[in-house]
């Protein structure tokens, strides 16, 4: 497997800079909420919340 280091470095840099900027502005909770929504669509959260009793 060949890693494309330049593309990987650019993606990590953009992600990290956006995380820092969103945190400074106070909108980081928005990104966390979107991750929560996407996890629900995958069914992962639904499996954890099954009532067994």
PDB file of N, CA and C in Angstrom:
ATOM      1  N   UNK A   1       0.839  -1.180   0.000  1.00  0.00           N
ATOM      2  CA  UNK A   1       0.000   0.000   0.000  1.00  0.00           C
ATOM      3  C   UNK A   1       0.882   1.240   0.000  1.00  0.00           C
ATOM      4  N   UNK A   2       0.659   2.084  -0.962  1.00  0.00           N
ATOM      5  CA  UNK A   2       1.463   3.293  -1.089  1.00  0.00           C
ATOM      6  C   UNK A   2       0.699   4.471  -0.486  1.00  0.00           C
ATOM      7  N   UNK A   3       1.349   5.159   0.434  1.00  0.00           N
ATOM      8  CA  UNK A   3       0.729   6.309   1.080  1.00  0.00           C
ATOM      9  C   UNK A   3       1.104   7.557   0.297  1.00  0.00           C
ATOM     10  N   UNK A   4       0.109   8.352  -0.006  1.00  0.00           N
ATOM     11  CA  UNK A   4       0.356   9.628  -0.689  1.00  0.00           C
ATOM     12  C   UNK A   4       0.562  10.675   0.396  1.00  0.00           C
ATOM     13  N   UNK A   5       1.827  10.877   0.752  1.00  0.00           N
ATOM     14  CA  UNK A   5       2.171  11.697   1.900  1.00  0.00           C
ATOM     15  C   UNK A   5       1.740  13.147   1.740  1.00  0.00           C
ATOM     16  N   UNK A   6       1.868  13.700   0.552  1.00  0.00           N
ATOM     17  CA  UNK A   6       1.500  15.106   0.357  1.00  0.00           C
ATOM     18  C   UNK A   6       0.011  15.320   0.574  1.00  0.00           C
ATOM     19  N   UNK A   7      -0.806  14.427   0.029  1.00  0.00           N
ATOM     20  CA  UNK A   7      -2.259  14.548   0.190  1.00  0.00           C
ATOM     21  C   UNK A   7      -2.645  14.336   1.650  1.00  0.00           C
ATOM     22  N   UNK A   8      -2.030  13.352   2.280  1.00  0.00           N
ATOM     23  CA  UNK A   8      -2.311  13.079   3.687  1.00  0.00           C
ATOM     24  C   UNK A   8      -1.938  14.271   4.564  1.00  0.00           C
ATOM     25  N   UNK A   9      -0.794  14.856   4.321  1.00  0.00           N
ATOM     26  CA  UNK A   9      -0.347  16.003   5.103  1.00  0.00           C
ATOM     27  C   UNK A   9      -1.277  17.193   4.912  1.00  0.00           C
ATOM     28  N   UNK A  10      -1.733  17.422   3.691  1.00  0.00           N
ATOM     29  CA  UNK A  10      -2.658  18.527   3.428  1.00  0.00           C
ATOM     30  C   UNK A  10      -3.981  18.301   4.146  1.00  0.00           C
ATOM     31  N   UNK A  11      -4.509  17.090   4.088  1.00  0.00           N
ATOM     32  CA  UNK A  11      -5.779  16.796   4.749  1.00  0.00           C
ATOM     33  C   UNK A  11      -5.684  16.957   6.259  1.00  0.00           C
ATOM     34  N   UNK A  12      -4.602  16.475   6.844  1.00  0.00           N
ATOM     35  CA  UNK A  12      -4.418  16.593   8.292  1.00  0.00           C
ATOM     36  C   UNK A  12      -4.261  18.054   8.689  1.00  0.00           C
ATOM     37  N   UNK A  13      -3.523  18.817   7.904  1.00  0.00           N
ATOM     38  CA  UNK A  13      -3.320  20.229   8.202  1.00  0.00           C
ATOM     39  C   UNK A  13      -4.628  21.004   8.128  1.00  0.00           C
ATOM     40  N   UNK A  14      -5.422  20.746   7.090  1.00  0.00           N
ATOM     41  CA  UNK A  14      -6.707  21.434   6.951  1.00  0.00           C
ATOM     42  C   UNK A  14      -7.632  21.056   8.098  1.00  0.00           C
ATOM     43  N   UNK A  15      -7.709  19.770   8.428  1.00  0.00           N
ATOM     44  CA  UNK A  15      -8.577  19.322   9.512  1.00  0.00           C
ATOM     45  C   UNK A  15      -8.173  19.951  10.843  1.00  0.00           C
ATOM     46  N   UNK A  16      -6.877  19.955  11.125  1.00  0.00           N
ATOM     47  CA  UNK A  16      -6.404  20.487  12.394  1.00  0.00           C
ATOM     48  C   UNK A  16      -6.638  21.996  12.483  1.00  0.00           C
ATOM     49  N   UNK A  17      -6.388  22.708  11.404  1.00  0.00           N
ATOM     50  CA  UNK A  17      -6.600  24.151  11.430  1.00  0.00           C
ATOM     51  C   UNK A  17      -8.083  24.485  11.577  1.00  0.00           C
ATOM     52  N   UNK A  18      -8.962  23.713  10.928  1.00  0.00           N
ATOM     53  CA  UNK A  18     -10.397  23.944  11.093  1.00  0.00           C
ATOM     54  C   UNK A  18     -10.861  23.634  12.511  1.00  0.00           C
ATOM     55  N   UNK A  19     -10.338  22.576  13.096  1.00  0.00           N
ATOM     56  CA  UNK A  19     -10.693  22.245  14.483  1.00  0.00           C
ATOM     57  C   UNK A  19     -10.283  23.367  15.428  1.00  0.00           C
ATOM     58  N   UNK A  20      -9.078  23.883  15.258  1.00  0.00           N
ATOM     59  CA  UNK A  20      -8.602  24.969  16.125  1.00  0.00           C
ATOM     60  C   UNK A  20      -9.452  26.214  15.920  1.00  0.00           C
ATOM     61  N   UNK A  21      -9.736  26.551  14.654  1.00  0.00           N
ATOM     62  CA  UNK A  21     -10.524  27.750  14.362  1.00  0.00           C
ATOM     63  C   UNK A  21     -11.943  27.629  14.909  1.00  0.00           C
ATOM     64  N   UNK A  22     -12.581  26.478  14.699  1.00  0.00           N
ATOM     65  CA  UNK A  22     -13.939  26.285  15.217  1.00  0.00           C
ATOM     66  C   UNK A  22     -13.976  26.330  16.740  1.00  0.00           C
ATOM     67  N   UNK A  23     -12.947  25.819  17.369  1.00  0.00           N
ATOM     68  CA  UNK A  23     -12.880  25.840  18.825  1.00  0.00           C
ATOM     69  C   UNK A  23     -12.730  27.271  19.339  1.00  0.00           C
ATOM     70  N   UNK A  24     -11.917  28.067  18.656  1.00  0.00           N
ATOM     71  CA  UNK A  24     -11.728  29.454  19.072  1.00  0.00           C
ATOM     72  C   UNK A  24     -13.005  30.271  18.873  1.00  0.00           C
ATOM     73  N   UNK A  25     -13.732  29.993  17.812  1.00  0.00           N
ATOM     74  CA  UNK A  25     -14.963  30.727  17.523  1.00  0.00           C
ATOM     75  C   UNK A  25     -16.111  30.243  18.405  1.00  0.00           C
ATOM     76  N   UNK A  26     -16.019  29.026  18.891  1.00  0.00           N
ATOM     77  CA  UNK A  26     -17.060  28.470  19.756  1.00  0.00           C
ATOM     78  C   UNK A  26     -18.053  27.613  19.009  1.00  0.00           C
ATOM     79  N   UNK A  27     -17.708  27.166  17.812  1.00  0.00           N
ATOM     80  CA  UNK A  27     -18.616  26.352  17.015  1.00  0.00           C
ATOM     81  C   UNK A  27     -18.192  24.889  16.946  1.00  0.00           C
ATOM     82  N   UNK A  28     -17.308  24.479  17.813  1.00  0.00           N
ATOM     83  CA  UNK A  28     -16.825  23.104  17.782  1.00  0.00           C
ATOM     84  C   UNK A  28     -17.943  22.120  18.118  1.00  0.00           C
ATOM     85  N   UNK A  29     -18.904  22.549  18.930  1.00  0.00           N
ATOM     86  CA  UNK A  29     -20.024  21.675  19.263  1.00  0.00           C
ATOM     87  C   UNK A  29     -20.830  21.316  18.020  1.00  0.00           C
ATOM     88  N   UNK A  30     -20.814  22.184  17.017  1.00  0.00           N
ATOM     89  CA  UNK A  30     -21.537  21.914  15.775  1.00  0.00           C
ATOM     90  C   UNK A  30     -20.929  20.719  15.052  1.00  0.00           C
ATOM     91  N   UNK A  31     -19.613  20.645  15.013  1.00  0.00           N
ATOM     92  CA  UNK A  31     -18.940  19.517  14.388  1.00  0.00           C
ATOM     93  C   UNK A  31     -19.181  18.233  15.175  1.00  0.00           C
ATOM     94  N   UNK A  32     -19.179  18.327  16.494  1.00  0.00           N
ATOM     95  CA  UNK A  32     -19.446  17.152  17.321  1.00  0.00           C
ATOM     96  C   UNK A  32     -20.861  16.646  17.099  1.00  0.00           C
ATOM     97  N   UNK A  33     -21.817  17.570  16.950  1.00  0.00           N
ATOM     98  CA  UNK A  33     -23.200  17.180  16.720  1.00  0.00           C
ATOM     99  C   UNK A  33     -23.354  16.475  15.373  1.00  0.00           C
ATOM    100  N   UNK A  34     -22.653  16.966  14.351  1.00  0.00           N
ATOM    101  CA  UNK A  34     -22.750  16.320  13.040  1.00  0.00           C
ATOM    102  C   UNK A  34     -22.155  14.914  13.089  1.00  0.00           C
ATOM    103  N   UNK A  35     -21.090  14.708  13.843  1.00  0.00           N
ATOM    104  CA  UNK A  35     -20.527  13.373  14.003  1.00  0.00           C
ATOM    105  C   UNK A  35     -21.528  12.455  14.709  1.00  0.00           C
ATOM    106  N   UNK A  36     -22.252  12.979  15.692  1.00  0.00           N
ATOM    107  CA  UNK A  36     -23.262  12.199  16.398  1.00  0.00           C
ATOM    108  C   UNK A  36     -24.379  11.778  15.440  1.00  0.00           C
ATOM    109  N   UNK A  37     -24.804  12.690  14.583  1.00  0.00           N
ATOM    110  CA  UNK A  37     -25.867  12.381  13.624  1.00  0.00           C
ATOM    111  C   UNK A  37     -25.411  11.298  12.648  1.00  0.00           C
ATOM    112  N   UNK A  38     -24.174  11.403  12.153  1.00  0.00           N
ATOM    113  CA  UNK A  38     -23.677  10.403  11.215  1.00  0.00           C
ATOM    114  C   UNK A  38     -23.531   9.039  11.883  1.00  0.00           C
ATOM    115  N   UNK A  39     -23.176   9.003  13.158  1.00  0.00           N
ATOM    116  CA  UNK A  39     -23.085   7.728  13.867  1.00  0.00           C
ATOM    117  C   UNK A  39     -24.457   7.094  14.008  1.00  0.00           C
ATOM    118  N   UNK A  40     -25.499   7.900  14.205  1.00  0.00           N
ATOM    119  CA  UNK A  40     -26.850   7.356  14.302  1.00  0.00           C
ATOM    120  C   UNK A  40     -27.268   6.739  12.981  1.00  0.00           C
ATOM    121  N   UNK A  41     -26.877   7.348  11.870  1.00  0.00           N
ATOM    122  CA  UNK A  41     -27.240   6.812  10.564  1.00  0.00           C
ATOM    123  C   UNK A  41     -26.557   5.473  10.292  1.00  0.00           C
ATOM    124  N   UNK A  42     -25.415   5.235  10.897  1.00  0.00           N
ATOM    125  CA  UNK A  42     -24.709   3.969  10.721  1.00  0.00           C
ATOM    126  C   UNK A  42     -25.334   2.845  11.537  1.00  0.00           C
ATOM    127  N   UNK A  43     -26.200   3.178  12.490  1.00  0.00           N
ATOM    128  CA  UNK A  43     -26.836   2.167  13.319  1.00  0.00           C
ATOM    129  C   UNK A  43     -26.041   1.817  14.554  1.00  0.00           C
ATOM    130  N   UNK A  44     -24.871   2.399  14.734  1.00  0.00           N
ATOM    131  CA  UNK A  44     -24.017   2.070  15.874  1.00  0.00           C
ATOM    132  C   UNK A  44     -24.672   2.510  17.177  1.00  0.00           C
ATOM    133  N   UNK A  45     -25.182   3.723  17.219  1.00  0.00           N
ATOM    134  CA  UNK A  45     -25.790   4.239  18.437  1.00  0.00           C
ATOM    135  C   UNK A  45     -27.077   3.482  18.739  1.00  0.00           C
ATOM    136  N   UNK A  46     -27.831   3.125  17.709  1.00  0.00           N
ATOM    137  CA  UNK A  46     -29.070   2.392  17.903  1.00  0.00           C
ATOM    138  C   UNK A  46     -28.851   1.043  18.565  1.00  0.00           C
ATOM    139  N   UNK A  47     -27.759   0.376  18.228  1.00  0.00           N
ATOM    140  CA  UNK A  47     -27.466  -0.923  18.840  1.00  0.00           C
ATOM    141  C   UNK A  47     -27.103  -0.773  20.310  1.00  0.00           C
ATOM    142  N   UNK A  48     -26.488   0.350  20.671  1.00  0.00           N
ATOM    143  CA  UNK A  48     -26.088   0.549  22.056  1.00  0.00           C
ATOM    144  C   UNK A  48     -27.270   0.899  22.952  1.00  0.00           C
ATOM    145  N   UNK A  49     -28.362   1.339  22.362  1.00  0.00           N
ATOM    146  CA  UNK A  49     -29.495   1.829  23.153  1.00  0.00           C
ATOM    147  C   UNK A  49     -30.651   0.844  23.181  1.00  0.00           C
ATOM    148  N   UNK A  50     -30.432  -0.408  22.856  1.00  0.00           N
ATOM    149  CA  UNK A  50     -31.496  -1.396  22.843  1.00  0.00           C
ATOM    150  C   UNK A  50     -31.873  -1.753  24.287  1.00  0.00           C
ATOM    151  N   UNK A  51     -33.152  -1.764  24.574  1.00  0.00           N
ATOM    152  CA  UNK A  51     -33.652  -2.096  25.909  1.00  0.00           C
ATOM    153  C   UNK A  51     -33.740  -3.611  26.032  1.00  0.00           C
ATOM    154  N   UNK A  52     -32.924  -4.197  26.890  1.00  0.00           N
ATOM    155  CA  UNK A  52     -32.900  -5.644  27.053  1.00  0.00           C
ATOM    156  C   UNK A  52     -33.837  -6.118  28.162  1.00  0.00           C
ATOM    157  N   UNK A  53     -34.379  -5.206  28.928  1.00  0.00           N
ATOM    158  CA  UNK A  53     -35.195  -5.584  30.078  1.00  0.00           C
ATOM    159  C   UNK A  53     -36.583  -5.586  29.739  1.00  0.00           C
TER     160      UNK A  53
END
